[in-house]
Amino acid sequence: MIFWAPLLSGIGFGFVVAAPVGPMSLLCMNRTLQQGFRAGLATGFGIALADAVYALVTVSAFKAVNDFTSAYALPLRLSGSLLLGLLGAKSLLRGESTPKPDSPAAAAPPTVCCHLFC
């Protein structure tokens, strides 16, 4: 035999425990406790609407970037290939060789360049 009151209180407790505790959820809980159920519900709907708008802006920006990269795919590929070729040629033409083990320079740690065009 199922008792409805313990079942419903367990479901309610599950929602309370599963609610993400962040600034927006705390604002929603605070408004609900201070101003009532309708104010909390309106705050929750406002938060959901703001999240939906943020998601719409993000998707639109991804679409704009995708359209740009699709329209200029060949020039972007060529310029990227040229840049990689220049970096590879520069590293080959640099001419750094590893010091021999018996020379004093072998004990010094190698210098590491963190810049793109050293």
C-alpha atoms as a PDB file:
ATOM      1  CA  MET A   1       0.000   0.000   0.000  1.00  0.00           C
ATOM      2  CA  ILE A   2       1.439   3.355  -1.089  1.00  0.00           C
ATOM      3  CA  PHE A   3       0.971   6.322   1.203  1.00  0.00           C
ATOM      4  CA  TRP A   4       0.732   9.498  -0.893  1.00  0.00           C
ATOM      5  CA  ALA A   5       1.992  11.961   1.716  1.00  0.00           C
ATOM      6  CA  PRO A   6       5.413  10.280   2.239  1.00  0.00           C
ATOM      7  CA  LEU A   7       5.763   9.752  -1.518  1.00  0.00           C
ATOM      8  CA  LEU A   8       5.028  13.387  -2.336  1.00  0.00           C
ATOM      9  CA  SER A   9       7.248  14.675   0.458  1.00  0.00           C
ATOM     10  CA  GLY A  10      10.059  12.431  -0.823  1.00  0.00           C
ATOM     11  CA  ILE A  11       9.635  13.822  -4.345  1.00  0.00           C
ATOM     12  CA  GLY A  12       9.616  17.366  -2.970  1.00  0.00           C
ATOM     13  CA  PHE A  13      12.708  16.686  -0.889  1.00  0.00           C
ATOM     14  CA  GLY A  14      14.399  15.264  -3.996  1.00  0.00           C
ATOM     15  CA  PHE A  15      13.696  18.474  -5.919  1.00  0.00           C
ATOM     16  CA  VAL A  16      15.054  20.590  -3.069  1.00  0.00           C
ATOM     17  CA  VAL A  17      18.241  18.523  -2.825  1.00  0.00           C
ATOM     18  CA  ALA A  18      18.708  18.391  -6.612  1.00  0.00           C
ATOM     19  CA  ALA A  19      18.234  22.163  -7.085  1.00  0.00           C
ATOM     20  CA  PRO A  20      21.527  23.767  -8.085  1.00  0.00           C
ATOM     21  CA  VAL A  21      22.574  26.221  -5.419  1.00  0.00           C
ATOM     22  CA  GLY A  22      23.779  29.285  -7.263  1.00  0.00           C
ATOM     23  CA  PRO A  23      22.995  32.984  -7.211  1.00  0.00           C
ATOM     24  CA  MET A  24      19.911  32.664  -9.414  1.00  0.00           C
ATOM     25  CA  SER A  25      18.410  29.756  -7.525  1.00  0.00           C
ATOM     26  CA  LEU A  26      19.056  31.521  -4.218  1.00  0.00           C
ATOM     27  CA  LEU A  27      17.327  34.632  -5.595  1.00  0.00           C
ATOM     28  CA  CYS A  28      14.361  32.503  -6.653  1.00  0.00           C
ATOM     29  CA  MET A  29      14.184  30.793  -3.253  1.00  0.00           C
ATOM     30  CA  ASN A  30      14.529  34.111  -1.416  1.00  0.00           C
ATOM     31  CA  ARG A  31      11.739  35.736  -3.420  1.00  0.00           C
ATOM     32  CA  THR A  32       9.519  32.702  -2.915  1.00  0.00           C
ATOM     33  CA  LEU A  33      10.021  32.704   0.834  1.00  0.00           C
ATOM     34  CA  GLN A  34       9.690  36.485   1.272  1.00  0.00           C
ATOM     35  CA  GLN A  35       7.064  37.444  -1.312  1.00  0.00           C
ATOM     36  CA  GLY A  36       5.191  34.244  -2.001  1.00  0.00           C
ATOM     37  CA  PHE A  37       4.756  31.563  -4.604  1.00  0.00           C
ATOM     38  CA  ARG A  38       3.795  33.858  -7.493  1.00  0.00           C
ATOM     39  CA  ALA A  39       6.863  36.080  -7.059  1.00  0.00           C
ATOM     40  CA  GLY A  40       9.113  33.017  -6.919  1.00  0.00           C
ATOM     41  CA  LEU A  41       7.463  31.538  -9.998  1.00  0.00           C
ATOM     42  CA  ALA A  42       7.831  34.827 -11.895  1.00  0.00           C
ATOM     43  CA  THR A  43      11.498  35.019 -10.878  1.00  0.00           C
ATOM     44  CA  GLY A  44      12.051  31.442 -12.034  1.00  0.00           C
ATOM     45  CA  PHE A  45      10.399  32.149 -15.385  1.00  0.00           C
ATOM     46  CA  GLY A  46      12.547  35.281 -15.771  1.00  0.00           C
ATOM     47  CA  ILE A  47      15.692  33.291 -15.080  1.00  0.00           C
ATOM     48  CA  ALA A  48      14.650  30.629 -17.598  1.00  0.00           C
ATOM     49  CA  LEU A  49      13.885  33.312 -20.210  1.00  0.00           C
ATOM     50  CA  ALA A  50      17.290  34.956 -19.673  1.00  0.00           C
ATOM     51  CA  ASP A  51      19.020  31.592 -20.066  1.00  0.00           C
ATOM     52  CA  ALA A  52      17.070  30.965 -23.282  1.00  0.00           C
ATOM     53  CA  VAL A  53      18.128  34.375 -24.655  1.00  0.00           C
ATOM     54  CA  TYR A  54      21.777  33.653 -23.787  1.00  0.00           C
ATOM     55  CA  ALA A  55      21.514  30.293 -25.564  1.00  0.00           C
ATOM     56  CA  LEU A  56      19.958  31.978 -28.621  1.00  0.00           C
ATOM     57  CA  VAL A  57      22.772  34.544 -28.779  1.00  0.00           C
ATOM     58  CA  THR A  58      25.374  31.786 -28.476  1.00  0.00           C
ATOM     59  CA  VAL A  59      23.817  29.693 -31.244  1.00  0.00           C
ATOM     60  CA  SER A  60      23.536  32.750 -33.483  1.00  0.00           C
ATOM     61  CA  ALA A  61      27.206  33.590 -32.921  1.00  0.00           C
ATOM     62  CA  PHE A  62      28.219  30.017 -33.734  1.00  0.00           C
ATOM     63  CA  LYS A  63      26.168  30.205 -36.926  1.00  0.00           C
ATOM     64  CA  ALA A  64      27.817  33.499 -37.917  1.00  0.00           C
ATOM     65  CA  VAL A  65      31.301  32.063 -37.352  1.00  0.00           C
ATOM     66  CA  ASN A  66      30.369  28.915 -39.271  1.00  0.00           C
ATOM     67  CA  ASP A  67      29.028  30.968 -42.195  1.00  0.00           C
ATOM     68  CA  PHE A  68      32.203  33.093 -42.269  1.00  0.00           C
ATOM     69  CA  THR A  69      34.546  30.120 -42.187  1.00  0.00           C
ATOM     70  CA  SER A  70      32.484  28.312 -44.828  1.00  0.00           C
ATOM     71  CA  ALA A  71      32.531  31.317 -47.148  1.00  0.00           C
ATOM     72  CA  TYR A  72      36.293  31.867 -46.796  1.00  0.00           C
ATOM     73  CA  ALA A  73      37.398  28.253 -46.382  1.00  0.00           C
ATOM     74  CA  LEU A  74      39.980  28.237 -49.174  1.00  0.00           C
ATOM     75  CA  PRO A  75      41.780  31.482 -48.199  1.00  0.00           C
ATOM     76  CA  LEU A  76      41.797  30.431 -44.518  1.00  0.00           C
ATOM     77  CA  ARG A  77      43.265  27.045 -45.401  1.00  0.00           C
ATOM     78  CA  LEU A  78      45.892  28.570 -47.674  1.00  0.00           C
ATOM     79  CA  SER A  79      46.948  31.191 -45.127  1.00  0.00           C
ATOM     80  CA  GLY A  80      47.084  28.588 -42.361  1.00  0.00           C
ATOM     81  CA  SER A  81      49.187  26.284 -44.533  1.00  0.00           C
ATOM     82  CA  LEU A  82      51.500  29.174 -45.448  1.00  0.00           C
ATOM     83  CA  LEU A  83      51.961  30.099 -41.782  1.00  0.00           C
ATOM     84  CA  LEU A  84      52.741  26.495 -40.834  1.00  0.00           C
ATOM     85  CA  GLY A  85      55.185  26.246 -43.739  1.00  0.00           C
ATOM     86  CA  LEU A  86      56.949  29.448 -42.658  1.00  0.00           C
ATOM     87  CA  LEU A  87      57.246  28.238 -39.077  1.00  0.00           C
ATOM     88  CA  GLY A  88      58.597  24.878 -40.256  1.00  0.00           C
ATOM     89  CA  ALA A  89      61.119  26.493 -42.598  1.00  0.00           C
ATOM     90  CA  LYS A  90      62.237  28.853 -39.853  1.00  0.00           C
ATOM     91  CA  SER A  91      62.831  25.980 -37.451  1.00  0.00           C
ATOM     92  CA  LEU A  92      64.790  24.065 -40.108  1.00  0.00           C
ATOM     93  CA  LEU A  93      66.893  27.071 -41.110  1.00  0.00           C
ATOM     94  CA  ARG A  94      67.680  28.053 -37.546  1.00  0.00           C
ATOM     95  CA  GLY A  95      70.513  25.534 -37.599  1.00  0.00           C
ATOM     96  CA  GLU A  96      70.682  24.768 -33.888  1.00  0.00           C
ATOM     97  CA  SER A  97      72.559  21.594 -33.234  1.00  0.00           C
ATOM     98  CA  THR A  98      72.779  19.664 -30.021  1.00  0.00           C
ATOM     99  CA  PRO A  99      76.107  20.132 -28.188  1.00  0.00           C
ATOM    100  CA  LYS A 100      78.446  17.194 -27.852  1.00  0.00           C
ATOM    101  CA  PRO A 101      78.519  15.516 -24.434  1.00  0.00           C
ATOM    102  CA  ASP A 102      82.169  16.364 -23.741  1.00  0.00           C
ATOM    103  CA  SER A 103      81.812  20.110 -24.384  1.00  0.00           C
ATOM    104  CA  PRO A 104      81.082  22.534 -21.500  1.00  0.00           C
ATOM    105  CA  ALA A 105      77.931  23.786 -23.243  1.00  0.00           C
ATOM    106  CA  ALA A 106      76.408  20.327 -22.869  1.00  0.00           C
ATOM    107  CA  ALA A 107      75.963  20.844 -19.116  1.00  0.00           C
ATOM    108  CA  ALA A 108      73.965  24.061 -19.572  1.00  0.00           C
ATOM    109  CA  PRO A 109      70.212  23.652 -19.867  1.00  0.00           C
ATOM    110  CA  PRO A 110      68.769  24.398 -23.308  1.00  0.00           C
ATOM    111  CA  THR A 111      67.102  27.763 -23.780  1.00  0.00           C
ATOM    112  CA  VAL A 112      63.404  27.608 -24.512  1.00  0.00           C
ATOM    113  CA  CYS A 113      61.807  30.287 -26.663  1.00  0.00           C
ATOM    114  CA  CYS A 114      58.170  31.027 -25.849  1.00  0.00           C
ATOM    115  CA  HIS A 115      57.604  33.627 -28.572  1.00  0.00           C
ATOM    116  CA  LEU A 116      56.129  32.866 -31.951  1.00  0.00           C
ATOM    117  CA  PHE A 117      58.883  34.539 -34.009  1.00  0.00           C
ATOM    118  CA  CYS A 118      62.141  34.473 -32.012  1.00  0.00           C
END
